[in-house]
Amino acid sequence: ADYENNTGTGTSSGSFRIIVDKLKSLNKGAQIILITPMQ
């Protein structure tokens, strides 16, 4: 819900939404690849 509702930088989930929205604003047609942390 933090991601879906764009709740801000209080959580990692909300922060990812800010990052993704920024990248989309820079280039709507860009490919965005997410990489999980590794063990």
Full PDB file with SEQRES, HELIX, SHEET, SSBOND, CRYST1, ORIGX, SCALE, CONECT and MASTER records, all heavy atoms in Angstrom:
SEQRES   1 A   39  ALA ASP TYR GLU ASN ASN THR GLY THR GLY THR SER SER          
SEQRES   2 A   39  GLY SER PHE ARG ILE ILE VAL ASP LYS LEU LYS SER LEU          
SEQRES   3 A   39  ASN LYS GLY ALA GLN ILE ILE LEU ILE THR PRO MET GLN          
HELIX    1 AA1 SER A   12  LEU A   26  1                                  15    
CRYST1    1.000    1.000    1.000  90.00  90.00  90.00 P 1           1          
ORIGX1      1.000000  0.000000  0.000000        0.00000                         
ORIGX2      0.000000  1.000000  0.000000        0.00000                         
ORIGX3      0.000000  0.000000  1.000000        0.00000                         
SCALE1      1.000000  0.000000  0.000000        0.00000                         
SCALE2      0.000000  1.000000  0.000000        0.00000                         
SCALE3      0.000000  0.000000  1.000000        0.00000                         
ATOM      1  N   ALA A   1       0.822  -1.208   0.000  1.00  0.00           N  
ATOM      2  CA  ALA A   1       0.000   0.000   0.000  1.00  0.00           C  
ATOM      3  C   ALA A   1       0.856   1.258   0.000  1.00  0.00           C  
ATOM      4  O   ALA A   1       0.455   2.289  -0.575  1.00  0.00           O  
ATOM      5  CB  ALA A   1      -0.932   0.002   1.212  1.00  0.00           C  
ATOM      6  N   ASP A   2       2.043   1.212   0.626  1.00  0.00           N  
ATOM      7  CA  ASP A   2       2.924   2.378   0.625  1.00  0.00           C  
ATOM      8  C   ASP A   2       3.371   2.718  -0.795  1.00  0.00           C  
ATOM      9  O   ASP A   2       3.497   3.897  -1.151  1.00  0.00           O  
ATOM     10  CB  ASP A   2       4.152   2.125   1.502  1.00  0.00           C  
ATOM     11  CG  ASP A   2       3.821   2.085   2.979  1.00  0.00           C  
ATOM     12  OD1 ASP A   2       3.056   2.950   3.428  1.00  0.00           O  
ATOM     13  OD2 ASP A   2       4.319   1.177   3.675  1.00  0.00           O  
ATOM     14  N   TYR A   3       3.618   1.685  -1.578  1.00  0.00           N  
ATOM     15  CA  TYR A   3       3.985   1.920  -2.977  1.00  0.00           C  
ATOM     16  C   TYR A   3       2.773   2.405  -3.771  1.00  0.00           C  
ATOM     17  O   TYR A   3       2.851   3.411  -4.490  1.00  0.00           O  
ATOM     18  CB  TYR A   3       4.544   0.644  -3.608  1.00  0.00           C  
ATOM     19  CG  TYR A   3       5.033   0.858  -5.026  1.00  0.00           C  
ATOM     20  CD1 TYR A   3       6.346   1.271  -5.258  1.00  0.00           C  
ATOM     21  CD2 TYR A   3       4.195   0.672  -6.117  1.00  0.00           C  
ATOM     22  CE1 TYR A   3       6.804   1.491  -6.550  1.00  0.00           C  
ATOM     23  CE2 TYR A   3       4.640   0.898  -7.413  1.00  0.00           C  
ATOM     24  CZ  TYR A   3       5.944   1.299  -7.621  1.00  0.00           C  
ATOM     25  OH  TYR A   3       6.393   1.533  -8.909  1.00  0.00           O  
ATOM     26  N   GLU A   4       1.664   1.695  -3.640  1.00  0.00           N  
ATOM     27  CA  GLU A   4       0.477   2.019  -4.426  1.00  0.00           C  
ATOM     28  C   GLU A   4      -0.051   3.412  -4.119  1.00  0.00           C  
ATOM     29  O   GLU A   4      -0.515   4.126  -5.017  1.00  0.00           O  
ATOM     30  CB  GLU A   4      -0.615   0.978  -4.163  1.00  0.00           C  
ATOM     31  CG  GLU A   4      -0.266  -0.409  -4.699  1.00  0.00           C  
ATOM     32  CD  GLU A   4      -1.287  -1.460  -4.303  1.00  0.00           C  
ATOM     33  OE1 GLU A   4      -1.839  -1.345  -3.186  1.00  0.00           O  
ATOM     34  OE2 GLU A   4      -1.531  -2.381  -5.092  1.00  0.00           O  
ATOM     35  N   ASN A   5       0.024   3.823  -2.862  1.00  0.00           N  
ATOM     36  CA  ASN A   5      -0.532   5.116  -2.443  1.00  0.00           C  
ATOM     37  C   ASN A   5       0.499   6.237  -2.384  1.00  0.00           C  
ATOM     38  O   ASN A   5       0.170   7.351  -1.978  1.00  0.00           O  
ATOM     39  CB  ASN A   5      -1.213   4.972  -1.079  1.00  0.00           C  
ATOM     40  CG  ASN A   5      -2.369   3.999  -1.116  1.00  0.00           C  
ATOM     41  OD1 ASN A   5      -3.093   3.923  -2.109  1.00  0.00           O  
ATOM     42  ND2 ASN A   5      -2.552   3.239  -0.037  1.00  0.00           N  
ATOM     43  N   ASN A   6       1.732   5.906  -2.776  1.00  0.00           N  
ATOM     44  CA  ASN A   6       2.789   6.928  -2.853  1.00  0.00           C  
ATOM     45  C   ASN A   6       2.920   7.675  -1.525  1.00  0.00           C  
ATOM     46  O   ASN A   6       2.838   8.914  -1.471  1.00  0.00           O  
ATOM     47  CB  ASN A   6       2.488   7.906  -3.992  1.00  0.00           C  
ATOM     48  CG  ASN A   6       3.722   8.685  -4.438  1.00  0.00           C  
ATOM     49  OD1 ASN A   6       4.831   8.396  -4.023  1.00  0.00           O  
ATOM     50  ND2 ASN A   6       3.518   9.690  -5.277  1.00  0.00           N  
ATOM     51  N   THR A   7       3.173   6.906  -0.458  1.00  0.00           N  
ATOM     52  CA  THR A   7       3.156   7.481   0.893  1.00  0.00           C  
ATOM     53  C   THR A   7       4.444   8.211   1.269  1.00  0.00           C  
ATOM     54  O   THR A   7       4.529   8.759   2.370  1.00  0.00           O  
ATOM     55  CB  THR A   7       2.878   6.381   1.931  1.00  0.00           C  
ATOM     56  OG1 THR A   7       3.897   5.368   1.842  1.00  0.00           O  
ATOM     57  CG2 THR A   7       1.504   5.765   1.719  1.00  0.00           C  
ATOM     58  N   GLY A   8       5.455   8.198   0.395  1.00  0.00           N  
ATOM     59  CA  GLY A   8       6.651   8.988   0.670  1.00  0.00           C  
ATOM     60  C   GLY A   8       7.827   8.187   1.187  1.00  0.00           C  
ATOM     61  O   GLY A   8       7.853   6.965   1.130  1.00  0.00           O  
ATOM     62  N   THR A   9       8.784   8.901   1.757  1.00  0.00           N  
ATOM     63  CA  THR A   9      10.081   8.313   2.098  1.00  0.00           C  
ATOM     64  C   THR A   9      10.139   7.707   3.495  1.00  0.00           C  
ATOM     65  O   THR A   9      11.219   7.415   3.996  1.00  0.00           O  
ATOM     66  CB  THR A   9      11.189   9.371   1.959  1.00  0.00           C  
ATOM     67  OG1 THR A   9      10.885  10.482   2.817  1.00  0.00           O  
ATOM     68  CG2 THR A   9      11.299   9.859   0.524  1.00  0.00           C  
ATOM     69  N   GLY A  10       9.005   7.495   4.111  1.00  0.00           N  
ATOM     70  CA  GLY A  10       9.011   6.855   5.422  1.00  0.00           C  
ATOM     71  C   GLY A  10       9.321   5.379   5.361  1.00  0.00           C  
ATOM     72  O   GLY A  10       9.711   4.780   6.360  1.00  0.00           O  
ATOM     73  N   THR A  11       9.158   4.778   4.193  1.00  0.00           N  
ATOM     74  CA  THR A  11       9.432   3.356   4.006  1.00  0.00           C  
ATOM     75  C   THR A  11      10.196   3.139   2.704  1.00  0.00           C  
ATOM     76  O   THR A  11      10.189   3.998   1.812  1.00  0.00           O  
ATOM     77  CB  THR A  11       8.133   2.531   3.937  1.00  0.00           C  
ATOM     78  OG1 THR A  11       7.416   2.894   2.742  1.00  0.00           O  
ATOM     79  CG2 THR A  11       7.256   2.766   5.156  1.00  0.00           C  
ATOM     80  N   SER A  12      10.819   1.981   2.595  1.00  0.00           N  
ATOM     81  CA  SER A  12      11.495   1.637   1.340  1.00  0.00           C  
ATOM     82  C   SER A  12      10.491   1.500   0.213  1.00  0.00           C  
ATOM     83  O   SER A  12      10.756   1.893  -0.929  1.00  0.00           O  
ATOM     84  CB  SER A  12      12.286   0.336   1.514  1.00  0.00           C  
ATOM     85  OG  SER A  12      13.333   0.517   2.432  1.00  0.00           O  
ATOM     86  N   SER A  13       9.330   0.928   0.520  1.00  0.00           N  
ATOM     87  CA  SER A  13       8.299   0.740  -0.488  1.00  0.00           C  
ATOM     88  C   SER A  13       7.842   2.077  -1.074  1.00  0.00           C  
ATOM     89  O   SER A  13       7.788   2.262  -2.296  1.00  0.00           O  
ATOM     90  CB  SER A  13       7.104  -0.001   0.112  1.00  0.00           C  
ATOM     91  OG  SER A  13       6.100  -0.227  -0.858  1.00  0.00           O  
ATOM     92  N   GLY A  14       7.516   3.031  -0.217  1.00  0.00           N  
ATOM     93  CA  GLY A  14       7.119   4.348  -0.695  1.00  0.00           C  
ATOM     94  C   GLY A  14       8.231   5.044  -1.447  1.00  0.00           C  
ATOM     95  O   GLY A  14       7.984   5.777  -2.417  1.00  0.00           O  
ATOM     96  N   SER A  15       9.482   4.801  -1.034  1.00  0.00           N  
ATOM     97  CA  SER A  15      10.626   5.424  -1.698  1.00  0.00           C  
ATOM     98  C   SER A  15      10.822   4.881  -3.107  1.00  0.00           C  
ATOM     99  O   SER A  15      11.175   5.636  -4.026  1.00  0.00           O  
ATOM    100  CB  SER A  15      11.884   5.207  -0.856  1.00  0.00           C  
ATOM    101  OG  SER A  15      11.756   5.836   0.403  1.00  0.00           O  
ATOM    102  N   PHE A  16      10.599   3.592  -3.283  1.00  0.00           N  
ATOM    103  CA  PHE A  16      10.707   3.023  -4.621  1.00  0.00           C  
ATOM    104  C   PHE A  16       9.698   3.668  -5.567  1.00  0.00           C  
ATOM    105  O   PHE A  16       9.975   3.856  -6.755  1.00  0.00           O  
ATOM    106  CB  PHE A  16      10.522   1.504  -4.579  1.00  0.00           C  
ATOM    107  CG  PHE A  16      11.796   0.734  -4.494  1.00  0.00           C  
ATOM    108  CD1 PHE A  16      12.292   0.312  -3.266  1.00  0.00           C  
ATOM    109  CD2 PHE A  16      12.512   0.416  -5.639  1.00  0.00           C  
ATOM    110  CE1 PHE A  16      13.486  -0.403  -3.182  1.00  0.00           C  
ATOM    111  CE2 PHE A  16      13.704  -0.300  -5.568  1.00  0.00           C  
ATOM    112  CZ  PHE A  16      14.197  -0.708  -4.337  1.00  0.00           C  
ATOM    113  N   ARG A  17       8.532   4.019  -5.054  1.00  0.00           N  
ATOM    114  CA  ARG A  17       7.524   4.673  -5.900  1.00  0.00           C  
ATOM    115  C   ARG A  17       8.043   6.028  -6.394  1.00  0.00           C  
ATOM    116  O   ARG A  17       7.876   6.383  -7.572  1.00  0.00           O  
ATOM    117  CB  ARG A  17       6.229   4.847  -5.116  1.00  0.00           C  
ATOM    118  CG  ARG A  17       5.150   5.645  -5.854  1.00  0.00           C  
ATOM    119  CD  ARG A  17       4.694   4.965  -7.147  1.00  0.00           C  
ATOM    120  NE  ARG A  17       3.714   5.800  -7.828  1.00  0.00           N  
ATOM    121  CZ  ARG A  17       2.395   5.735  -7.606  1.00  0.00           C  
ATOM    122  NH1 ARG A  17       1.906   4.883  -6.709  1.00  0.00           N  
ATOM    123  NH2 ARG A  17       1.578   6.519  -8.273  1.00  0.00           N  
ATOM    124  N   ILE A  18       8.702   6.772  -5.513  1.00  0.00           N  
ATOM    125  CA  ILE A  18       9.263   8.066  -5.901  1.00  0.00           C  
ATOM    126  C   ILE A  18      10.331   7.890  -6.971  1.00  0.00           C  
ATOM    127  O   ILE A  18      10.382   8.638  -7.959  1.00  0.00           O  
ATOM    128  CB  ILE A  18       9.841   8.785  -4.663  1.00  0.00           C  
ATOM    129  CG1 ILE A  18       8.707   9.175  -3.701  1.00  0.00           C  
ATOM    130  CG2 ILE A  18      10.656  10.009  -5.067  1.00  0.00           C  
ATOM    131  CD1 ILE A  18       9.179   9.705  -2.369  1.00  0.00           C  
ATOM    132  N   ILE A  19      11.176   6.885  -6.788  1.00  0.00           N  
ATOM    133  CA  ILE A  19      12.252   6.623  -7.758  1.00  0.00           C  
ATOM    134  C   ILE A  19      11.667   6.235  -9.112  1.00  0.00           C  
ATOM    135  O   ILE A  19      12.064   6.766 -10.163  1.00  0.00           O  
ATOM    136  CB  ILE A  19      13.189   5.518  -7.227  1.00  0.00           C  
ATOM    137  CG1 ILE A  19      13.907   5.990  -5.957  1.00  0.00           C  
ATOM    138  CG2 ILE A  19      14.202   5.115  -8.299  1.00  0.00           C  
ATOM    139  CD1 ILE A  19      14.602   4.880  -5.196  1.00  0.00           C  
ATOM    140  N   VAL A  20      10.716   5.324  -9.109  1.00  0.00           N  
ATOM    141  CA  VAL A  20      10.104   4.863 -10.354  1.00  0.00           C  
ATOM    142  C   VAL A  20       9.398   6.011 -11.066  1.00  0.00           C  
ATOM    143  O   VAL A  20       9.534   6.182 -12.293  1.00  0.00           O  
ATOM    144  CB  VAL A  20       9.128   3.701 -10.072  1.00  0.00           C  
ATOM    145  CG1 VAL A  20       8.247   3.425 -11.295  1.00  0.00           C  
ATOM    146  CG2 VAL A  20       9.899   2.444  -9.683  1.00  0.00           C  
ATOM    147  N   ASP A  21       8.657   6.820 -10.322  1.00  0.00           N  
ATOM    148  CA  ASP A  21       7.952   7.950 -10.934  1.00  0.00           C  
ATOM    149  C   ASP A  21       8.937   8.924 -11.571  1.00  0.00           C  
ATOM    150  O   ASP A  21       8.671   9.485 -12.649  1.00  0.00           O  
ATOM    151  CB  ASP A  21       7.092   8.671  -9.896  1.00  0.00           C  
ATOM    152  CG  ASP A  21       5.819   7.908  -9.556  1.00  0.00           C  
ATOM    153  OD1 ASP A  21       5.535   6.884 -10.210  1.00  0.00           O  
ATOM    154  OD2 ASP A  21       5.116   8.336  -8.609  1.00  0.00           O  
ATOM    155  N   LYS A  22      10.066   9.151 -10.932  1.00  0.00           N  
ATOM    156  CA  LYS A  22      11.073  10.057 -11.485  1.00  0.00           C  
ATOM    157  C   LYS A  22      11.632   9.514 -12.798  1.00  0.00           C  
ATOM    158  O   LYS A  22      11.775  10.267 -13.777  1.00  0.00           O  
ATOM    159  CB  LYS A  22      12.202  10.250 -10.469  1.00  0.00           C  
ATOM    160  CG  LYS A  22      13.352  11.110 -10.976  1.00  0.00           C  
ATOM    161  CD  LYS A  22      12.908  12.529 -11.282  1.00  0.00           C  
ATOM    162  CE  LYS A  22      14.082  13.396 -11.706  1.00  0.00           C  
ATOM    163  NZ  LYS A  22      13.669  14.799 -12.008  1.00  0.00           N  
ATOM    164  N   LEU A  23      11.922   8.237 -12.829  1.00  0.00           N  
ATOM    165  CA  LEU A  23      12.487   7.648 -14.050  1.00  0.00           C  
ATOM    166  C   LEU A  23      11.476   7.705 -15.187  1.00  0.00           C  
ATOM    167  O   LEU A  23      11.834   7.982 -16.339  1.00  0.00           O  
ATOM    168  CB  LEU A  23      12.932   6.216 -13.781  1.00  0.00           C  
ATOM    169  CG  LEU A  23      13.996   6.043 -12.677  1.00  0.00           C  
ATOM    170  CD1 LEU A  23      14.431   4.594 -12.582  1.00  0.00           C  
ATOM    171  CD2 LEU A  23      15.193   6.958 -12.918  1.00  0.00           C  
ATOM    172  N   LYS A  24      10.224   7.449 -14.882  1.00  0.00           N  
ATOM    173  CA  LYS A  24       9.182   7.537 -15.903  1.00  0.00           C  
ATOM    174  C   LYS A  24       9.063   8.959 -16.440  1.00  0.00           C  
ATOM    175  O   LYS A  24       8.810   9.162 -17.634  1.00  0.00           O  
ATOM    176  CB  LYS A  24       7.837   7.082 -15.331  1.00  0.00           C  
ATOM    177  CG  LYS A  24       7.719   5.583 -15.096  1.00  0.00           C  
ATOM    178  CD  LYS A  24       6.338   5.255 -14.531  1.00  0.00           C  
ATOM    179  CE  LYS A  24       6.126   3.769 -14.336  1.00  0.00           C  
ATOM    180  NZ  LYS A  24       4.785   3.464 -13.788  1.00  0.00           N  
ATOM    181  N   SER A  25       9.251   9.942 -15.563  1.00  0.00           N  
ATOM    182  CA  SER A  25       9.139  11.333 -16.002  1.00  0.00           C  
ATOM    183  C   SER A  25      10.302  11.728 -16.902  1.00  0.00           C  
ATOM    184  O   SER A  25      10.158  12.610 -17.758  1.00  0.00           O  
ATOM    185  CB  SER A  25       9.080  12.269 -14.788  1.00  0.00           C  
ATOM    186  OG  SER A  25      10.347  12.400 -14.165  1.00  0.00           O  
ATOM    187  N   LEU A  26      11.450  11.098 -16.722  1.00  0.00           N  
ATOM    188  CA  LEU A  26      12.613  11.399 -17.546  1.00  0.00           C  
ATOM    189  C   LEU A  26      12.481  10.819 -18.945  1.00  0.00           C  
ATOM    190  O   LEU A  26      12.908  11.422 -19.928  1.00  0.00           O  
ATOM    191  CB  LEU A  26      13.882  10.868 -16.872  1.00  0.00           C  
ATOM    192  CG  LEU A  26      14.319  11.593 -15.603  1.00  0.00           C  
ATOM    193  CD1 LEU A  26      15.424  10.815 -14.901  1.00  0.00           C  
ATOM    194  CD2 LEU A  26      14.786  13.009 -15.924  1.00  0.00           C  
ATOM    195  N   ASN A  27      11.906   9.623 -19.027  1.00  0.00           N  
ATOM    196  CA  ASN A  27      11.717   8.979 -20.330  1.00  0.00           C  
ATOM    197  C   ASN A  27      10.637   7.919 -20.197  1.00  0.00           C  
ATOM    198  O   ASN A  27      10.890   6.835 -19.666  1.00  0.00           O  
ATOM    199  CB  ASN A  27      13.022   8.355 -20.838  1.00  0.00           C  
ATOM    200  CG  ASN A  27      12.870   7.738 -22.215  1.00  0.00           C  
ATOM    201  OD1 ASN A  27      11.802   7.791 -22.826  1.00  0.00           O  
ATOM    202  ND2 ASN A  27      13.939   7.141 -22.721  1.00  0.00           N  
ATOM    203  N   LYS A  28       9.440   8.245 -20.689  1.00  0.00           N  
ATOM    204  CA  LYS A  28       8.317   7.319 -20.575  1.00  0.00           C  
ATOM    205  C   LYS A  28       8.580   6.004 -21.310  1.00  0.00           C  
ATOM    206  O   LYS A  28       8.018   4.970 -20.961  1.00  0.00           O  
ATOM    207  CB  LYS A  28       7.047   7.967 -21.116  1.00  0.00           C  
ATOM    208  CG  LYS A  28       6.537   9.124 -20.271  1.00  0.00           C  
ATOM    209  CD  LYS A  28       5.262   9.700 -20.849  1.00  0.00           C  
ATOM    210  CE  LYS A  28       4.758  10.857 -20.006  1.00  0.00           C  
ATOM    211  NZ  LYS A  28       3.506  11.453 -20.562  1.00  0.00           N  
ATOM    212  N   GLY A  29       9.418   6.066 -22.334  1.00  0.00           N  
ATOM    213  CA  GLY A  29       9.679   4.865 -23.124  1.00  0.00           C  
ATOM    214  C   GLY A  29      10.879   4.068 -22.675  1.00  0.00           C  
ATOM    215  O   GLY A  29      11.224   3.055 -23.310  1.00  0.00           O  
ATOM    216  N   ALA A  30      11.538   4.503 -21.612  1.00  0.00           N  
ATOM    217  CA  ALA A  30      12.742   3.801 -21.162  1.00  0.00           C  
ATOM    218  C   ALA A  30      12.405   2.446 -20.565  1.00  0.00           C  
ATOM    219  O   ALA A  30      11.316   2.232 -20.028  1.00  0.00           O  
ATOM    220  CB  ALA A  30      13.476   4.640 -20.120  1.00  0.00           C  
ATOM    221  N   GLN A  31      13.355   1.530 -20.663  1.00  0.00           N  
ATOM    222  CA  GLN A  31      13.226   0.251 -19.972  1.00  0.00           C  
ATOM    223  C   GLN A  31      13.775   0.409 -18.559  1.00  0.00           C  
ATOM    224  O   GLN A  31      14.873   0.941 -18.369  1.00  0.00           O  
ATOM    225  CB  GLN A  31      14.003  -0.840 -20.716  1.00  0.00           C  
ATOM    226  CG  GLN A  31      13.858  -2.210 -20.069  1.00  0.00           C  
ATOM    227  CD  GLN A  31      14.605  -3.321 -20.811  1.00  0.00           C  
ATOM    228  OE1 GLN A  31      14.530  -4.483 -20.423  1.00  0.00           O  
ATOM    229  NE2 GLN A  31      15.305  -2.971 -21.857  1.00  0.00           N  
ATOM    230  N   ILE A  32      13.002  -0.026 -17.576  1.00  0.00           N  
ATOM    231  CA  ILE A  32      13.416   0.029 -16.175  1.00  0.00           C  
ATOM    232  C   ILE A  32      13.568  -1.405 -15.677  1.00  0.00           C  
ATOM    233  O   ILE A  32      12.635  -2.199 -15.743  1.00  0.00           O  
ATOM    234  CB  ILE A  32      12.394   0.796 -15.311  1.00  0.00           C  
ATOM    235  CG1 ILE A  32      12.263   2.239 -15.807  1.00  0.00           C  
ATOM    236  CG2 ILE A  32      12.800   0.758 -13.840  1.00  0.00           C  
ATOM    237  CD1 ILE A  32      11.175   3.036 -15.098  1.00  0.00           C  
ATOM    238  N   ILE A  33      14.759  -1.727 -15.215  1.00  0.00           N  
ATOM    239  CA  ILE A  33      15.070  -3.060 -14.702  1.00  0.00           C  
ATOM    240  C   ILE A  33      15.353  -2.948 -13.204  1.00  0.00           C  
ATOM    241  O   ILE A  33      16.199  -2.157 -12.789  1.00  0.00           O  
ATOM    242  CB  ILE A  33      16.292  -3.670 -15.424  1.00  0.00           C  
ATOM    243  CG1 ILE A  33      16.060  -3.738 -16.932  1.00  0.00           C  
ATOM    244  CG2 ILE A  33      16.612  -5.063 -14.860  1.00  0.00           C  
ATOM    245  CD1 ILE A  33      17.295  -4.152 -17.730  1.00  0.00           C  
ATOM    246  N   LEU A  34      14.651  -3.721 -12.416  1.00  0.00           N  
ATOM    247  CA  LEU A  34      14.866  -3.738 -10.974  1.00  0.00           C  
ATOM    248  C   LEU A  34      15.766  -4.910 -10.594  1.00  0.00           C  
ATOM    249  O   LEU A  34      15.649  -5.997 -11.158  1.00  0.00           O  
ATOM    250  CB  LEU A  34      13.537  -3.847 -10.228  1.00  0.00           C  
ATOM    251  CG  LEU A  34      12.477  -2.772 -10.536  1.00  0.00           C  
ATOM    252  CD1 LEU A  34      11.249  -2.996  -9.659  1.00  0.00           C  
ATOM    253  CD2 LEU A  34      13.034  -1.367 -10.332  1.00  0.00           C  
ATOM    254  N   ILE A  35      16.645  -4.671  -9.634  1.00  0.00           N  
ATOM    255  CA  ILE A  35      17.584  -5.699  -9.175  1.00  0.00           C  
ATOM    256  C   ILE A  35      17.420  -5.857  -7.669  1.00  0.00           C  
ATOM    257  O   ILE A  35      17.526  -4.882  -6.916  1.00  0.00           O  
ATOM    258  CB  ILE A  35      19.038  -5.310  -9.502  1.00  0.00           C  
ATOM    259  CG1 ILE A  35      19.195  -4.988 -11.003  1.00  0.00           C  
ATOM    260  CG2 ILE A  35      20.000  -6.419  -9.082  1.00  0.00           C  
ATOM    261  CD1 ILE A  35      20.549  -4.402 -11.359  1.00  0.00           C  
ATOM    262  N   THR A  36      17.143  -7.066  -7.220  1.00  0.00           N  
ATOM    263  CA  THR A  36      16.976  -7.284  -5.790  1.00  0.00           C  
ATOM    264  C   THR A  36      18.338  -7.289  -5.091  1.00  0.00           C  
ATOM    265  O   THR A  36      19.368  -7.571  -5.708  1.00  0.00           O  
ATOM    266  CB  THR A  36      16.305  -8.642  -5.489  1.00  0.00           C  
ATOM    267  OG1 THR A  36      17.249  -9.699  -5.709  1.00  0.00           O  
ATOM    268  CG2 THR A  36      15.070  -8.858  -6.335  1.00  0.00           C  
ATOM    269  N   PRO A  37      18.355  -6.968  -3.798  1.00  0.00           N  
ATOM    270  CA  PRO A  37      19.594  -7.186  -3.046  1.00  0.00           C  
ATOM    271  C   PRO A  37      19.945  -8.670  -3.052  1.00  0.00           C  
ATOM    272  O   PRO A  37      19.069  -9.523  -3.167  1.00  0.00           O  
ATOM    273  CB  PRO A  37      19.256  -6.696  -1.640  1.00  0.00           C  
ATOM    274  CG  PRO A  37      17.764  -6.729  -1.554  1.00  0.00           C  
ATOM    275  CD  PRO A  37      17.271  -6.475  -2.938  1.00  0.00           C  
ATOM    276  N   MET A  38      21.226  -8.952  -2.974  1.00  0.00           N  
ATOM    277  CA  MET A  38      21.670 -10.341  -2.943  1.00  0.00           C  
ATOM    278  C   MET A  38      21.942 -10.753  -1.496  1.00  0.00           C  
ATOM    279  O   MET A  38      22.104  -9.906  -0.610  1.00  0.00           O  
ATOM    280  CB  MET A  38      22.937 -10.514  -3.777  1.00  0.00           C  
ATOM    281  CG  MET A  38      24.120  -9.715  -3.300  1.00  0.00           C  
ATOM    282  SD  MET A  38      25.487  -9.723  -4.477  1.00  0.00           S  
ATOM    283  CE  MET A  38      26.852  -9.312  -3.377  1.00  0.00           C  
ATOM    284  N   GLN A  39      21.967 -12.023  -1.256  1.00  0.00           N  
ATOM    285  CA  GLN A  39      22.317 -12.509   0.073  1.00  0.00           C  
ATOM    286  C   GLN A  39      23.749 -12.096   0.410  1.00  0.00           C  
ATOM    287  O   GLN A  39      24.580 -11.911  -0.483  1.00  0.00           O  
ATOM    288  CB  GLN A  39      22.162 -14.028   0.134  1.00  0.00           C  
ATOM    289  CG  GLN A  39      20.730 -14.501  -0.053  1.00  0.00           C  
ATOM    290  CD  GLN A  39      20.602 -16.006   0.022  1.00  0.00           C  
ATOM    291  OE1 GLN A  39      21.143 -16.654   0.915  1.00  0.00           O  
ATOM    292  NE2 GLN A  39      19.870 -16.582  -0.925  1.00  0.00           N  
TER     293      GLN A  39                                                      
MASTER        0    0    0    1    0    0    0    6  292    1    0    3          
END                                                                             
